[in-house]
Amino acid sequence: MRLDRFLFFIRLLKSRTQAQALLEEGRTRIDGRRVEKVSDAVRIGSTVTLPLRGQIRVIRVLALPARRGPAPEARACYEELGVDDGFGAA
């Protein structure tokens, strides 16, 4: 599944346009590899690292959603591995 579509479907971003803009910044990674295109594929088991709302979020893909459903359905598609504010631990 395209990464921009995945981020929209799991409700981390409000639109695919926002997802594409975030990915075009070049600071997102899939399994440690920098995302080159907004259409880069994400698979079950992939780890996605992305800057979002002033934090670095790390998520693991558990399922590929078929639609942008309700929040509980979206949360079941990924596992939050970590959130970092960018300043490290105190």
PDB file of N, CA and C in Angstrom:
ATOM      1  N   MET A   1       0.844  -1.175   0.000  1.00  0.00           N
ATOM      2  CA  MET A   1       0.000   0.000   0.000  1.00  0.00           C
ATOM      3  C   MET A   1       0.892   1.241   0.000  1.00  0.00           C
ATOM      4  N   ARG A   2       0.461   2.256  -0.723  1.00  0.00           N
ATOM      5  CA  ARG A   2       1.198   3.522  -0.758  1.00  0.00           C
ATOM      6  C   ARG A   2       1.264   4.130   0.649  1.00  0.00           C
ATOM      7  N   LEU A   3       2.400   4.671   1.006  1.00  0.00           N
ATOM      8  CA  LEU A   3       2.578   5.241   2.347  1.00  0.00           C
ATOM      9  C   LEU A   3       1.653   6.429   2.588  1.00  0.00           C
ATOM     10  N   ASP A   4       1.476   7.302   1.595  1.00  0.00           N
ATOM     11  CA  ASP A   4       0.595   8.458   1.799  1.00  0.00           C
ATOM     12  C   ASP A   4      -0.835   8.004   2.088  1.00  0.00           C
ATOM     13  N   ARG A   5      -1.279   6.992   1.390  1.00  0.00           N
ATOM     14  CA  ARG A   5      -2.623   6.458   1.595  1.00  0.00           C
ATOM     15  C   ARG A   5      -2.749   5.798   2.968  1.00  0.00           C
ATOM     16  N   PHE A   6      -1.717   5.053   3.376  1.00  0.00           N
ATOM     17  CA  PHE A   6      -1.713   4.402   4.680  1.00  0.00           C
ATOM     18  C   PHE A   6      -1.835   5.427   5.808  1.00  0.00           C
ATOM     19  N   LEU A   7      -1.031   6.497   5.758  1.00  0.00           N
ATOM     20  CA  LEU A   7      -1.067   7.516   6.811  1.00  0.00           C
ATOM     21  C   LEU A   7      -2.426   8.199   6.893  1.00  0.00           C
ATOM     22  N   PHE A   8      -3.068   8.385   5.757  1.00  0.00           N
ATOM     23  CA  PHE A   8      -4.412   8.965   5.730  1.00  0.00           C
ATOM     24  C   PHE A   8      -5.435   7.972   6.292  1.00  0.00           C
ATOM     25  N   PHE A   9      -5.371   6.725   5.880  1.00  0.00           N
ATOM     26  CA  PHE A   9      -6.335   5.720   6.325  1.00  0.00           C
ATOM     27  C   PHE A   9      -6.254   5.460   7.828  1.00  0.00           C
ATOM     28  N   ILE A  10      -5.046   5.521   8.414  1.00  0.00           N
ATOM     29  CA  ILE A  10      -4.934   5.260   9.861  1.00  0.00           C
ATOM     30  C   ILE A  10      -5.120   6.530  10.689  1.00  0.00           C
ATOM     31  N   ARG A  11      -5.521   7.609  10.037  1.00  0.00           N
ATOM     32  CA  ARG A  11      -5.924   8.847  10.693  1.00  0.00           C
ATOM     33  C   ARG A  11      -4.791   9.595  11.390  1.00  0.00           C
ATOM     34  N   LEU A  12      -3.551   9.426  10.945  1.00  0.00           N
ATOM     35  CA  LEU A  12      -2.471  10.248  11.482  1.00  0.00           C
ATOM     36  C   LEU A  12      -2.488  11.630  10.839  1.00  0.00           C
ATOM     37  N   LEU A  13      -3.046  11.715   9.628  1.00  0.00           N
ATOM     38  CA  LEU A  13      -3.172  12.990   8.926  1.00  0.00           C
ATOM     39  C   LEU A  13      -4.586  13.119   8.380  1.00  0.00           C
ATOM     40  N   LYS A  14      -5.049  14.353   8.253  1.00  0.00           N
ATOM     41  CA  LYS A  14      -6.441  14.588   7.871  1.00  0.00           C
ATOM     42  C   LYS A  14      -6.721  14.428   6.386  1.00  0.00           C
ATOM     43  N   SER A  15      -5.678  14.466   5.553  1.00  0.00           N
ATOM     44  CA  SER A  15      -5.896  14.318   4.111  1.00  0.00           C
ATOM     45  C   SER A  15      -4.670  13.670   3.474  1.00  0.00           C
ATOM     46  N   ARG A  16      -4.876  13.111   2.286  1.00  0.00           N
ATOM     47  CA  ARG A  16      -3.732  12.552   1.552  1.00  0.00           C
ATOM     48  C   ARG A  16      -2.807  13.662   1.107  1.00  0.00           C
ATOM     49  N   THR A  17      -3.346  14.841   0.846  1.00  0.00           N
ATOM     50  CA  THR A  17      -2.511  15.979   0.452  1.00  0.00           C
ATOM     51  C   THR A  17      -1.543  16.327   1.572  1.00  0.00           C
ATOM     52  N   GLN A  18      -2.015  16.328   2.821  1.00  0.00           N
ATOM     53  CA  GLN A  18      -1.134  16.581   3.963  1.00  0.00           C
ATOM     54  C   GLN A  18      -0.081  15.486   4.079  1.00  0.00           C
ATOM     55  N   ALA A  19      -0.487  14.251   3.861  1.00  0.00           N
ATOM     56  CA  ALA A  19       0.453  13.127   3.925  1.00  0.00           C
ATOM     57  C   ALA A  19       1.528  13.274   2.853  1.00  0.00           C
ATOM     58  N   GLN A  20       1.132  13.641   1.647  1.00  0.00           N
ATOM     59  CA  GLN A  20       2.090  13.813   0.562  1.00  0.00           C
ATOM     60  C   GLN A  20       3.058  14.947   0.867  1.00  0.00           C
ATOM     61  N   ALA A  21       2.563  16.048   1.417  1.00  0.00           N
ATOM     62  CA  ALA A  21       3.433  17.178   1.769  1.00  0.00           C
ATOM     63  C   ALA A  21       4.446  16.769   2.831  1.00  0.00           C
ATOM     64  N   LEU A  22       4.010  16.019   3.822  1.00  0.00           N
ATOM     65  CA  LEU A  22       4.911  15.546   4.874  1.00  0.00           C
ATOM     66  C   LEU A  22       5.996  14.646   4.288  1.00  0.00           C
ATOM     67  N   LEU A  23       5.603  13.740   3.411  1.00  0.00           N
ATOM     68  CA  LEU A  23       6.558  12.799   2.829  1.00  0.00           C
ATOM     69  C   LEU A  23       7.544  13.485   1.888  1.00  0.00           C
ATOM     70  N   GLU A  24       7.112  14.522   1.216  1.00  0.00           N
ATOM     71  CA  GLU A  24       7.995  15.246   0.294  1.00  0.00           C
ATOM     72  C   GLU A  24       9.091  16.009   1.019  1.00  0.00           C
ATOM     73  N   GLU A  25       8.934  16.248   2.330  1.00  0.00           N
ATOM     74  CA  GLU A  25       9.990  16.897   3.119  1.00  0.00           C
ATOM     75  C   GLU A  25      11.236  16.026   3.204  1.00  0.00           C
ATOM     76  N   GLY A  26      11.069  14.705   3.033  1.00  0.00           N
ATOM     77  CA  GLY A  26      12.216  13.800   3.010  1.00  0.00           C
ATOM     78  C   GLY A  26      12.730  13.379   4.367  1.00  0.00           C
ATOM     79  N   ARG A  27      11.928  13.537   5.423  1.00  0.00           N
ATOM     80  CA  ARG A  27      12.392  13.178   6.766  1.00  0.00           C
ATOM     81  C   ARG A  27      11.704  11.928   7.300  1.00  0.00           C
ATOM     82  N   THR A  28      10.975  11.228   6.448  1.00  0.00           N
ATOM     83  CA  THR A  28      10.264  10.011   6.843  1.00  0.00           C
ATOM     84  C   THR A  28      11.067   8.798   6.399  1.00  0.00           C
ATOM     85  N   ARG A  29      11.010   7.736   7.210  1.00  0.00           N
ATOM     86  CA  ARG A  29      11.750   6.512   6.896  1.00  0.00           C
ATOM     87  C   ARG A  29      10.847   5.288   7.032  1.00  0.00           C
ATOM     88  N   ILE A  30      11.083   4.317   6.161  1.00  0.00           N
ATOM     89  CA  ILE A  30      10.443   3.002   6.257  1.00  0.00           C
ATOM     90  C   ILE A  30      11.562   2.004   6.485  1.00  0.00           C
ATOM     91  N   ASP A  31      11.519   1.311   7.608  1.00  0.00           N
ATOM     92  CA  ASP A  31      12.550   0.330   7.971  1.00  0.00           C
ATOM     93  C   ASP A  31      13.954   0.931   7.879  1.00  0.00           C
ATOM     94  N   GLY A  32      14.104   2.176   8.302  1.00  0.00           N
ATOM     95  CA  GLY A  32      15.394   2.842   8.324  1.00  0.00           C
ATOM     96  C   GLY A  32      15.830   3.437   7.000  1.00  0.00           C
ATOM     97  N   ARG A  33      15.074   3.197   5.932  1.00  0.00           N
ATOM     98  CA  ARG A  33      15.407   3.717   4.608  1.00  0.00           C
ATOM     99  C   ARG A  33      14.585   4.966   4.346  1.00  0.00           C
ATOM    100  N   ARG A  34      15.248   6.026   3.896  1.00  0.00           N
ATOM    101  CA  ARG A  34      14.568   7.290   3.617  1.00  0.00           C
ATOM    102  C   ARG A  34      13.529   7.110   2.518  1.00  0.00           C
ATOM    103  N   VAL A  35      12.361   7.693   2.723  1.00  0.00           N
ATOM    104  CA  VAL A  35      11.286   7.632   1.739  1.00  0.00           C
ATOM    105  C   VAL A  35      11.631   8.583   0.595  1.00  0.00           C
ATOM    106  N   GLU A  36      11.727   8.039  -0.614  1.00  0.00           N
ATOM    107  CA  GLU A  36      12.082   8.823  -1.789  1.00  0.00           C
ATOM    108  C   GLU A  36      10.853   9.389  -2.494  1.00  0.00           C
ATOM    109  N   LYS A  37       9.750   8.598  -2.482  1.00  0.00           N
ATOM    110  CA  LYS A  37       8.526   8.995  -3.197  1.00  0.00           C
ATOM    111  C   LYS A  37       7.335   8.804  -2.269  1.00  0.00           C
ATOM    112  N   VAL A  38       6.303   9.621  -2.466  1.00  0.00           N
ATOM    113  CA  VAL A  38       5.098   9.470  -1.641  1.00  0.00           C
ATOM    114  C   VAL A  38       4.418   8.136  -1.911  1.00  0.00           C
ATOM    115  N   SER A  39       4.727   7.518  -3.040  1.00  0.00           N
ATOM    116  CA  SER A  39       4.111   6.243  -3.399  1.00  0.00           C
ATOM    117  C   SER A  39       4.918   5.044  -2.912  1.00  0.00           C
ATOM    118  N   ASP A  40       5.978   5.266  -2.122  1.00  0.00           N
ATOM    119  CA  ASP A  40       6.738   4.132  -1.599  1.00  0.00           C
ATOM    120  C   ASP A  40       5.806   3.194  -0.842  1.00  0.00           C
ATOM    121  N   ALA A  41       6.060   1.904  -0.973  1.00  0.00           N
ATOM    122  CA  ALA A  41       5.168   0.894  -0.400  1.00  0.00           C
ATOM    123  C   ALA A  41       5.463   0.633   1.069  1.00  0.00           C
ATOM    124  N   VAL A  42       4.394   0.459   1.813  1.00  0.00           N
ATOM    125  CA  VAL A  42       4.480   0.038   3.205  1.00  0.00           C
ATOM    126  C   VAL A  42       3.802  -1.332   3.291  1.00  0.00           C
ATOM    127  N   ARG A  43       4.387  -2.222   4.092  1.00  0.00           N
ATOM    128  CA  ARG A  43       3.875  -3.588   4.201  1.00  0.00           C
ATOM    129  C   ARG A  43       3.643  -3.934   5.664  1.00  0.00           C
ATOM    130  N   ILE A  44       2.908  -5.000   5.896  1.00  0.00           N
ATOM    131  CA  ILE A  44       2.708  -5.471   7.266  1.00  0.00           C
ATOM    132  C   ILE A  44       4.077  -5.823   7.843  1.00  0.00           C
ATOM    133  N   GLY A  45       4.354  -5.322   9.034  1.00  0.00           N
ATOM    134  CA  GLY A  45       5.641  -5.542   9.683  1.00  0.00           C
ATOM    135  C   GLY A  45       6.626  -4.409   9.485  1.00  0.00           C
ATOM    136  N   SER A  46       6.346  -3.492   8.570  1.00  0.00           N
ATOM    137  CA  SER A  46       7.230  -2.348   8.338  1.00  0.00           C
ATOM    138  C   SER A  46       7.226  -1.419   9.546  1.00  0.00           C
ATOM    139  N   THR A  47       8.352  -0.751   9.766  1.00  0.00           N
ATOM    140  CA  THR A  47       8.465   0.266  10.804  1.00  0.00           C
ATOM    141  C   THR A  47       8.584   1.614  10.110  1.00  0.00           C
ATOM    142  N   VAL A  48       7.708   2.538  10.473  1.00  0.00           N
ATOM    143  CA  VAL A  48       7.677   3.863   9.858  1.00  0.00           C
ATOM    144  C   VAL A  48       8.053   4.894  10.918  1.00  0.00           C
ATOM    145  N   THR A  49       9.030   5.738  10.598  1.00  0.00           N
ATOM    146  CA  THR A  49       9.461   6.820  11.473  1.00  0.00           C
ATOM    147  C   THR A  49       9.152   8.127  10.769  1.00  0.00           C
ATOM    148  N   LEU A  50       8.416   9.018  11.444  1.00  0.00           N
ATOM    149  CA  LEU A  50       8.037  10.268  10.794  1.00  0.00           C
ATOM    150  C   LEU A  50       7.901  11.398  11.799  1.00  0.00           C
ATOM    151  N   PRO A  51       8.213  12.627  11.357  1.00  0.00           N
ATOM    152  CA  PRO A  51       7.997  13.793  12.215  1.00  0.00           C
ATOM    153  C   PRO A  51       6.535  14.209  12.121  1.00  0.00           C
ATOM    154  N   LEU A  52       5.897  14.391  13.271  1.00  0.00           N
ATOM    155  CA  LEU A  52       4.487  14.740  13.264  1.00  0.00           C
ATOM    156  C   LEU A  52       4.150  15.574  14.489  1.00  0.00           C
ATOM    157  N   ARG A  53       3.649  16.780  14.260  1.00  0.00           N
ATOM    158  CA  ARG A  53       3.242  17.693  15.321  1.00  0.00           C
ATOM    159  C   ARG A  53       4.344  17.923  16.358  1.00  0.00           C
ATOM    160  N   GLY A  54       5.541  18.188  15.889  1.00  0.00           N
ATOM    161  CA  GLY A  54       6.659  18.503  16.772  1.00  0.00           C
ATOM    162  C   GLY A  54       7.284  17.315  17.466  1.00  0.00           C
ATOM    163  N   GLN A  55       6.915  16.115  17.077  1.00  0.00           N
ATOM    164  CA  GLN A  55       7.460  14.906  17.676  1.00  0.00           C
ATOM    165  C   GLN A  55       7.910  13.946  16.587  1.00  0.00           C
ATOM    166  N   ILE A  56       8.787  13.021  16.957  1.00  0.00           N
ATOM    167  CA  ILE A  56       9.183  11.941  16.066  1.00  0.00           C
ATOM    168  C   ILE A  56       8.385  10.719  16.499  1.00  0.00           C
ATOM    169  N   ARG A  57       7.553  10.200  15.587  1.00  0.00           N
ATOM    170  CA  ARG A  57       6.730   9.036  15.908  1.00  0.00           C
ATOM    171  C   ARG A  57       7.255   7.816  15.185  1.00  0.00           C
ATOM    172  N   VAL A  58       7.265   6.693  15.896  1.00  0.00           N
ATOM    173  CA  VAL A  58       7.707   5.417  15.334  1.00  0.00           C
ATOM    174  C   VAL A  58       6.541   4.447  15.479  1.00  0.00           C
ATOM    175  N   ILE A  59       6.090   3.920  14.332  1.00  0.00           N
ATOM    176  CA  ILE A  59       4.962   2.991  14.356  1.00  0.00           C
ATOM    177  C   ILE A  59       5.308   1.726  13.574  1.00  0.00           C
ATOM    178  N   ARG A  60       4.710   0.609  13.985  1.00  0.00           N
ATOM    179  CA  ARG A  60       4.852  -0.654  13.263  1.00  0.00           C
ATOM    180  C   ARG A  60       3.507  -0.963  12.618  1.00  0.00           C
ATOM    181  N   VAL A  61       3.545  -1.336  11.357  1.00  0.00           N
ATOM    182  CA  VAL A  61       2.336  -1.646  10.598  1.00  0.00           C
ATOM    183  C   VAL A  61       1.866  -3.051  10.976  1.00  0.00           C
ATOM    184  N   LEU A  62       0.628  -3.146  11.484  1.00  0.00           N
ATOM    185  CA  LEU A  62       0.054  -4.438  11.867  1.00  0.00           C
ATOM    186  C   LEU A  62      -0.918  -4.968  10.816  1.00  0.00           C
ATOM    187  N   ALA A  63      -1.549  -4.047  10.079  1.00  0.00           N
ATOM    188  CA  ALA A  63      -2.513  -4.432   9.043  1.00  0.00           C
ATOM    189  C   ALA A  63      -2.619  -3.293   8.042  1.00  0.00           C
ATOM    190  N   LEU A  64      -3.056  -3.624   6.837  1.00  0.00           N
ATOM    191  CA  LEU A  64      -3.263  -2.619   5.801  1.00  0.00           C
ATOM    192  C   LEU A  64      -4.766  -2.364   5.683  1.00  0.00           C
ATOM    193  N   PRO A  65      -5.215  -1.179   6.083  1.00  0.00           N
ATOM    194  CA  PRO A  65      -6.652  -0.891   6.069  1.00  0.00           C
ATOM    195  C   PRO A  65      -7.194  -0.785   4.652  1.00  0.00           C
ATOM    196  N   ALA A  66      -8.439  -1.186   4.481  1.00  0.00           N
ATOM    197  CA  ALA A  66      -9.094  -1.111   3.176  1.00  0.00           C
ATOM    198  C   ALA A  66      -9.779   0.237   2.973  1.00  0.00           C
ATOM    199  N   ARG A  67      -9.974   0.966   4.081  1.00  0.00           N
ATOM    200  CA  ARG A  67     -10.668   2.250   3.999  1.00  0.00           C
ATOM    201  C   ARG A  67     -10.252   3.120   5.176  1.00  0.00           C
ATOM    202  N   ARG A  68     -10.692   4.365   5.146  1.00  0.00           N
ATOM    203  CA  ARG A  68     -10.503   5.273   6.274  1.00  0.00           C
ATOM    204  C   ARG A  68     -11.722   5.112   7.163  1.00  0.00           C
ATOM    205  N   GLY A  69     -11.627   4.214   8.094  1.00  0.00           N
ATOM    206  CA  GLY A  69     -12.749   3.900   8.965  1.00  0.00           C
ATOM    207  C   GLY A  69     -12.695   4.681  10.261  1.00  0.00           C
ATOM    208  N   PRO A  70     -13.484   4.267  11.239  1.00  0.00           N
ATOM    209  CA  PRO A  70     -13.501   4.932  12.538  1.00  0.00           C
ATOM    210  C   PRO A  70     -12.159   4.776  13.259  1.00  0.00           C
ATOM    211  N   ALA A  71     -11.907   5.645  14.220  1.00  0.00           N
ATOM    212  CA  ALA A  71     -10.626   5.677  14.922  1.00  0.00           C
ATOM    213  C   ALA A  71     -10.225   4.324  15.526  1.00  0.00           C
ATOM    214  N   PRO A  72     -11.117   3.603  16.211  1.00  0.00           N
ATOM    215  CA  PRO A  72     -10.694   2.306  16.772  1.00  0.00           C
ATOM    216  C   PRO A  72     -10.226   1.325  15.698  1.00  0.00           C
ATOM    217  N   GLU A  73     -10.880   1.337  14.553  1.00  0.00           N
ATOM    218  CA  GLU A  73     -10.486   0.477  13.435  1.00  0.00           C
ATOM    219  C   GLU A  73      -9.111   0.906  12.911  1.00  0.00           C
ATOM    220  N   ALA A  74      -8.867   2.203  12.838  1.00  0.00           N
ATOM    221  CA  ALA A  74      -7.587   2.726  12.352  1.00  0.00           C
ATOM    222  C   ALA A  74      -6.456   2.370  13.323  1.00  0.00           C
ATOM    223  N   ARG A  75      -6.696   2.519  14.633  1.00  0.00           N
ATOM    224  CA  ARG A  75      -5.664   2.225  15.629  1.00  0.00           C
ATOM    225  C   ARG A  75      -5.272   0.747  15.637  1.00  0.00           C
ATOM    226  N   ALA A  76      -6.163  -0.130  15.211  1.00  0.00           N
ATOM    227  CA  ALA A  76      -5.860  -1.561  15.174  1.00  0.00           C
ATOM    228  C   ALA A  76      -4.879  -1.906  14.053  1.00  0.00           C
ATOM    229  N   CYS A  77      -4.610  -0.969  13.159  1.00  0.00           N
ATOM    230  CA  CYS A  77      -3.732  -1.226  12.017  1.00  0.00           C
ATOM    231  C   CYS A  77      -2.270  -0.904  12.291  1.00  0.00           C
ATOM    232  N   TYR A  78      -1.976  -0.285  13.439  1.00  0.00           N
ATOM    233  CA  TYR A  78      -0.586   0.036  13.755  1.00  0.00           C
ATOM    234  C   TYR A  78      -0.350  -0.023  15.255  1.00  0.00           C
ATOM    235  N   GLU A  79       0.927  -0.155  15.601  1.00  0.00           N
ATOM    236  CA  GLU A  79       1.359  -0.172  16.996  1.00  0.00           C
ATOM    237  C   GLU A  79       2.344   0.975  17.177  1.00  0.00           C
ATOM    238  N   GLU A  80       2.126   1.772  18.188  1.00  0.00           N
ATOM    239  CA  GLU A  80       3.010   2.900  18.492  1.00  0.00           C
ATOM    240  C   GLU A  80       4.238   2.345  19.208  1.00  0.00           C
ATOM    241  N   LEU A  81       5.413   2.509  18.618  1.00  0.00           N
ATOM    242  CA  LEU A  81       6.647   2.002  19.230  1.00  0.00           C
ATOM    243  C   LEU A  81       7.337   3.071  20.044  1.00  0.00           C
ATOM    244  N   GLY A  82       7.106   4.331  19.704  1.00  0.00           N
ATOM    245  CA  GLY A  82       7.742   5.383  20.467  1.00  0.00           C
ATOM    246  C   GLY A  82       7.409   6.757  19.957  1.00  0.00           C
ATOM    247  N   VAL A  83       7.501   7.719  20.865  1.00  0.00           N
ATOM    248  CA  VAL A  83       7.320   9.116  20.542  1.00  0.00           C
ATOM    249  C   VAL A  83       8.472   9.850  21.176  1.00  0.00           C
ATOM    250  N   ASP A  84       9.141  10.696  20.407  1.00  0.00           N
ATOM    251  CA  ASP A  84      10.284  11.461  20.904  1.00  0.00           C
ATOM    252  C   ASP A  84      10.044  12.913  20.574  1.00  0.00           C
ATOM    253  N   ASP A  85      10.255  13.780  21.559  1.00  0.00           N
ATOM    254  CA  ASP A  85      10.050  15.218  21.317  1.00  0.00           C
ATOM    255  C   ASP A  85      11.244  15.859  20.616  1.00  0.00           C
ATOM    256  N   GLY A  86      12.272  15.064  20.332  1.00  0.00           N
ATOM    257  CA  GLY A  86      13.427  15.577  19.618  1.00  0.00           C
ATOM    258  C   GLY A  86      14.522  16.110  20.518  1.00  0.00           C
ATOM    259  N   PHE A  87      14.252  16.162  21.818  1.00  0.00           N
ATOM    260  CA  PHE A  87      15.236  16.697  22.761  1.00  0.00           C
ATOM    261  C   PHE A  87      15.890  15.613  23.589  1.00  0.00           C
ATOM    262  N   GLY A  88      15.483  14.362  23.396  1.00  0.00           N
ATOM    263  CA  GLY A  88      16.059  13.245  24.135  1.00  0.00           C
ATOM    264  C   GLY A  88      15.492  13.149  25.539  1.00  0.00           C
ATOM    265  N   ALA A  89      15.909  12.130  26.251  1.00  0.00           N
ATOM    266  CA  ALA A  89      15.407  11.900  27.608  1.00  0.00           C
ATOM    267  C   ALA A  89      16.065  12.857  28.578  1.00  0.00           C
ATOM    268  N   ALA A  90      15.320  13.252  29.582  1.00  0.00           N
ATOM    269  CA  ALA A  90      15.836  14.188  30.587  1.00  0.00           C
ATOM    270  C   ALA A  90      16.462  13.448  31.729  1.00  0.00           C
TER     271      ALA A  90
END
